[in-house]
C-alpha atoms as a PDB file:
ATOM      1  CA  MET A   1       1.958  18.178  -7.861  1.00  0.00           C
ATOM      2  CA  GLU A   2      -1.221  19.485  -6.910  1.00  0.00           C
ATOM      3  CA  GLU A   3      -2.526  17.166  -9.918  1.00  0.00           C
ATOM      4  CA  LEU A   4      -1.218  13.915  -8.381  1.00  0.00           C
ATOM      5  CA  PHE A   5      -2.627  15.416  -4.901  1.00  0.00           C
ATOM      6  CA  ASP A   6      -5.795  16.134  -5.991  1.00  0.00           C
ATOM      7  CA  SER A   7      -5.981  12.537  -8.384  1.00  0.00           C
ATOM      8  CA  LEU A   8      -4.799  10.596  -4.692  1.00  0.00           C
ATOM      9  CA  LYS A   9      -7.404  12.799  -2.683  1.00  0.00           C
ATOM     10  CA  ASN A  10     -10.134  11.411  -5.153  1.00  0.00           C
ATOM     11  CA  TRP A  11      -9.432   8.226  -5.102  1.00  0.00           C
ATOM     12  CA  GLY A  12      -9.606   8.263  -0.931  1.00  0.00           C
ATOM     13  CA  CYS A  13      -6.298   8.577   0.009  1.00  0.00           C
ATOM     14  CA  ASP A  14      -6.067  10.892   2.758  1.00  0.00           C
ATOM     15  CA  VAL A  15      -3.336  12.903   1.574  1.00  0.00           C
ATOM     16  CA  ASP A  16      -3.584  16.007   3.963  1.00  0.00           C
ATOM     17  CA  GLY A  17      -2.714  13.783   7.406  1.00  0.00           C
ATOM     18  CA  ALA A  18      -0.330  12.383   5.057  1.00  0.00           C
ATOM     19  CA  LEU A  19       1.126  15.723   4.849  1.00  0.00           C
ATOM     20  CA  ALA A  20       0.977  16.453   8.106  1.00  0.00           C
ATOM     21  CA  ARG A  21       2.988  13.327   9.124  1.00  0.00           C
ATOM     22  CA  PHE A  22       5.594  14.898   6.650  1.00  0.00           C
ATOM     23  CA  ILE A  23       5.591  18.406   8.444  1.00  0.00           C
ATOM     24  CA  GLY A  24       4.271  19.707   5.491  1.00  0.00           C
ATOM     25  CA  ASP A  25       7.215  18.345   2.837  1.00  0.00           C
ATOM     26  CA  ARG A  26       4.937  18.500   0.057  1.00  0.00           C
ATOM     27  CA  GLU A  27       8.064  16.921  -2.278  1.00  0.00           C
ATOM     28  CA  LEU A  28       9.465  14.473   0.308  1.00  0.00           C
ATOM     29  CA  TYR A  29       5.946  13.036   0.341  1.00  0.00           C
ATOM     30  CA  ARG A  30       5.849  12.694  -3.513  1.00  0.00           C
ATOM     31  CA  ARG A  31       9.024  11.217  -3.817  1.00  0.00           C
ATOM     32  CA  CYS A  32       8.037   8.643  -0.684  1.00  0.00           C
ATOM     33  CA  LEU A  33       5.353   7.678  -2.827  1.00  0.00           C
ATOM     34  CA  TYR A  34       7.449   6.610  -5.290  1.00  0.00           C
ATOM     35  CA  THR A  35       9.156   4.935  -3.318  1.00  0.00           C
ATOM     36  CA  ALA A  36       6.356   3.145  -1.567  1.00  0.00           C
ATOM     37  CA  ALA A  37       4.321   1.989  -4.902  1.00  0.00           C
ATOM     38  CA  THR A  38       8.054  -0.126  -5.630  1.00  0.00           C
ATOM     39  CA  ASP A  39       7.974  -1.586  -2.044  1.00  0.00           C
ATOM     40  CA  GLN A  40       9.257  -5.043  -2.312  1.00  0.00           C
ATOM     41  CA  ASN A  41       7.012  -6.410  -0.118  1.00  0.00           C
ATOM     42  CA  PHE A  42       4.414  -6.162  -2.991  1.00  0.00           C
ATOM     43  CA  GLU A  43       5.554  -8.613  -4.949  1.00  0.00           C
ATOM     44  CA  LEU A  44       7.273 -10.911  -1.719  1.00  0.00           C
ATOM     45  CA  LEU A  45       3.229 -11.075  -0.210  1.00  0.00           C
ATOM     46  CA  PRO A  46       1.881 -13.075  -2.659  1.00  0.00           C
ATOM     47  CA  GLU A  47       5.449 -15.233  -3.132  1.00  0.00           C
ATOM     48  CA  THR A  48       5.394 -15.763   0.404  1.00  0.00           C
ATOM     49  CA  LEU A  49       1.863 -16.870   0.408  1.00  0.00           C
ATOM     50  CA  ARG A  50       2.204 -19.401  -2.069  1.00  0.00           C
ATOM     51  CA  SER A  51       5.229 -21.239  -0.599  1.00  0.00           C
ATOM     52  CA  GLY A  52       3.639 -21.447   2.611  1.00  0.00           C
ATOM     53  CA  GLU A  53       5.676 -18.567   4.159  1.00  0.00           C
ATOM     54  CA  MET A  54       3.179 -17.672   6.262  1.00  0.00           C
ATOM     55  CA  GLY A  55       5.537 -16.220   8.694  1.00  0.00           C
ATOM     56  CA  ARG A  56       7.127 -14.176   6.331  1.00  0.00           C
ATOM     57  CA  ALA A  57       3.768 -13.693   4.627  1.00  0.00           C
ATOM     58  CA  PHE A  58       2.832 -11.976   7.931  1.00  0.00           C
ATOM     59  CA  GLU A  59       5.956  -9.579   8.062  1.00  0.00           C
ATOM     60  CA  CYS A  60       5.290  -8.801   4.623  1.00  0.00           C
ATOM     61  CA  ALA A  61       1.453  -7.586   5.480  1.00  0.00           C
ATOM     62  CA  HIS A  62       2.089  -6.068   8.354  1.00  0.00           C
ATOM     63  CA  THR A  63       4.672  -3.957   6.889  1.00  0.00           C
ATOM     64  CA  LEU A  64       2.770  -2.864   3.672  1.00  0.00           C
ATOM     65  CA  LYS A  65       0.428  -2.098   6.881  1.00  0.00           C
ATOM     66  CA  GLY A  66       2.541   0.443   8.418  1.00  0.00           C
ATOM     67  CA  MET A  67       3.628   1.806   5.542  1.00  0.00           C
ATOM     68  CA  LEU A  68       0.398   2.527   3.554  1.00  0.00           C
ATOM     69  CA  ALA A  69      -1.321   3.957   7.179  1.00  0.00           C
ATOM     70  CA  ASN A  70       1.920   6.764   7.232  1.00  0.00           C
ATOM     71  CA  MET A  71       1.595   7.526   3.469  1.00  0.00           C
ATOM     72  CA  GLY A  72      -2.148   7.492   3.482  1.00  0.00           C
ATOM     73  CA  LEU A  73      -2.771   5.404   0.935  1.00  0.00           C
ATOM     74  CA  THR A  74      -6.199   4.528   2.457  1.00  0.00           C
ATOM     75  CA  PRO A  75      -7.324   2.538  -0.816  1.00  0.00           C
ATOM     76  CA  LEU A  76      -4.630   0.303  -0.299  1.00  0.00           C
ATOM     77  CA  TYR A  77      -4.249   0.289   3.006  1.00  0.00           C
ATOM     78  CA  ASP A  78      -7.951  -0.944   3.526  1.00  0.00           C
ATOM     79  CA  ILE A  79      -6.969  -4.231   1.649  1.00  0.00           C
ATOM     80  CA  VAL A  80      -4.093  -5.132   3.462  1.00  0.00           C
ATOM     81  CA  VAL A  81      -5.735  -4.934   6.819  1.00  0.00           C
ATOM     82  CA  ARG A  82      -7.861  -7.827   4.781  1.00  0.00           C
ATOM     83  CA  ILE A  83      -5.097  -9.621   4.670  1.00  0.00           C
ATOM     84  CA  VAL A  84      -2.438  -8.929   7.950  1.00  0.00           C
ATOM     85  CA  GLU A  85      -5.504  -9.752  10.286  1.00  0.00           C
ATOM     86  CA  PRO A  86      -6.412 -13.163   8.909  1.00  0.00           C
ATOM     87  CA  LEU A  87      -2.882 -14.097   8.709  1.00  0.00           C
ATOM     88  CA  ARG A  88      -2.481 -13.135  12.368  1.00  0.00           C
ATOM     89  CA  ALA A  89      -5.201 -15.670  13.185  1.00  0.00           C
ATOM     90  CA  GLY A  90      -3.567 -17.846  11.322  1.00  0.00           C
ATOM     91  CA  GLU A  91      -5.769 -18.080   8.584  1.00  0.00           C
ATOM     92  CA  THR A  92      -4.697 -18.218   5.468  1.00  0.00           C
ATOM     93  CA  ALA A  93      -8.024 -18.955   2.938  1.00  0.00           C
ATOM     94  CA  GLY A  94      -9.285 -16.042   0.638  1.00  0.00           C
ATOM     95  CA  LEU A  95      -5.746 -14.067   0.575  1.00  0.00           C
ATOM     96  CA  LEU A  96      -4.575 -14.715  -2.475  1.00  0.00           C
ATOM     97  CA  PRO A  97      -7.010 -12.994  -4.290  1.00  0.00           C
ATOM     98  CA  ALA A  98      -6.905 -10.078  -1.714  1.00  0.00           C
ATOM     99  CA  CYS A  99      -2.937  -9.929  -3.006  1.00  0.00           C
ATOM    100  CA  ASP A 100      -4.097  -9.351  -6.504  1.00  0.00           C
ATOM    101  CA  GLU A 101      -6.524  -6.719  -5.595  1.00  0.00           C
ATOM    102  CA  LEU A 102      -3.859  -5.029  -3.523  1.00  0.00           C
ATOM    103  CA  LEU A 103      -1.236  -5.060  -6.575  1.00  0.00           C
ATOM    104  CA  ALA A 104      -4.417  -3.892  -8.611  1.00  0.00           C
ATOM    105  CA  ALA A 105      -4.357  -0.913  -6.584  1.00  0.00           C
ATOM    106  CA  ARG A 106      -0.545  -0.418  -6.219  1.00  0.00           C
ATOM    107  CA  ASP A 107      -0.926  -0.534 -10.238  1.00  0.00           C
ATOM    108  CA  ARG A 108      -3.753   2.415 -10.029  1.00  0.00           C
ATOM    109  CA  LEU A 109      -0.786   4.139  -7.662  1.00  0.00           C
ATOM    110  CA  ASN A 110       1.639   3.575 -10.420  1.00  0.00           C
ATOM    111  CA  THR A 111      -0.511   4.758 -13.081  1.00  0.00           C
ATOM    112  CA  LEU A 112      -1.626   8.106 -11.310  1.00  0.00           C
ATOM    113  CA  LEU A 113       2.194   8.845 -10.526  1.00  0.00           C
ATOM    114  CA  LYS A 114       3.008   8.583 -13.929  1.00  0.00           C
ATOM    115  CA  GLU A 115       0.144  10.271 -15.691  1.00  0.00           C
ATOM    116  CA  THR A 116       0.888  13.556 -13.313  1.00  0.00           C
ATOM    117  CA  ALA A 117       4.652  13.289 -13.534  1.00  0.00           C
END
């Protein structure tokens, strides 16, 4: 578990801040990382953008933003903020490349989880 947490910290994640929110329960945090990495909103976000469902896209992005912030997954959070704020303002230009970047970061998280299982 320490290898995972060290890898996340080296990537720029706020593991210590997240653990404080988890009242120091390292195992619960680890399990929630797996849940976060498979959240359906990662897949729904680009789908809703492509289909023009901007309200739904905002909901997906906003949900991810809150979850990623609470989990201390800063690299992913920093990307999703670049999606949420334009959607909030009704802007849609350039959001699909940011979604691709978000999915690549999610894939990196999944790789870290598998490598340190």
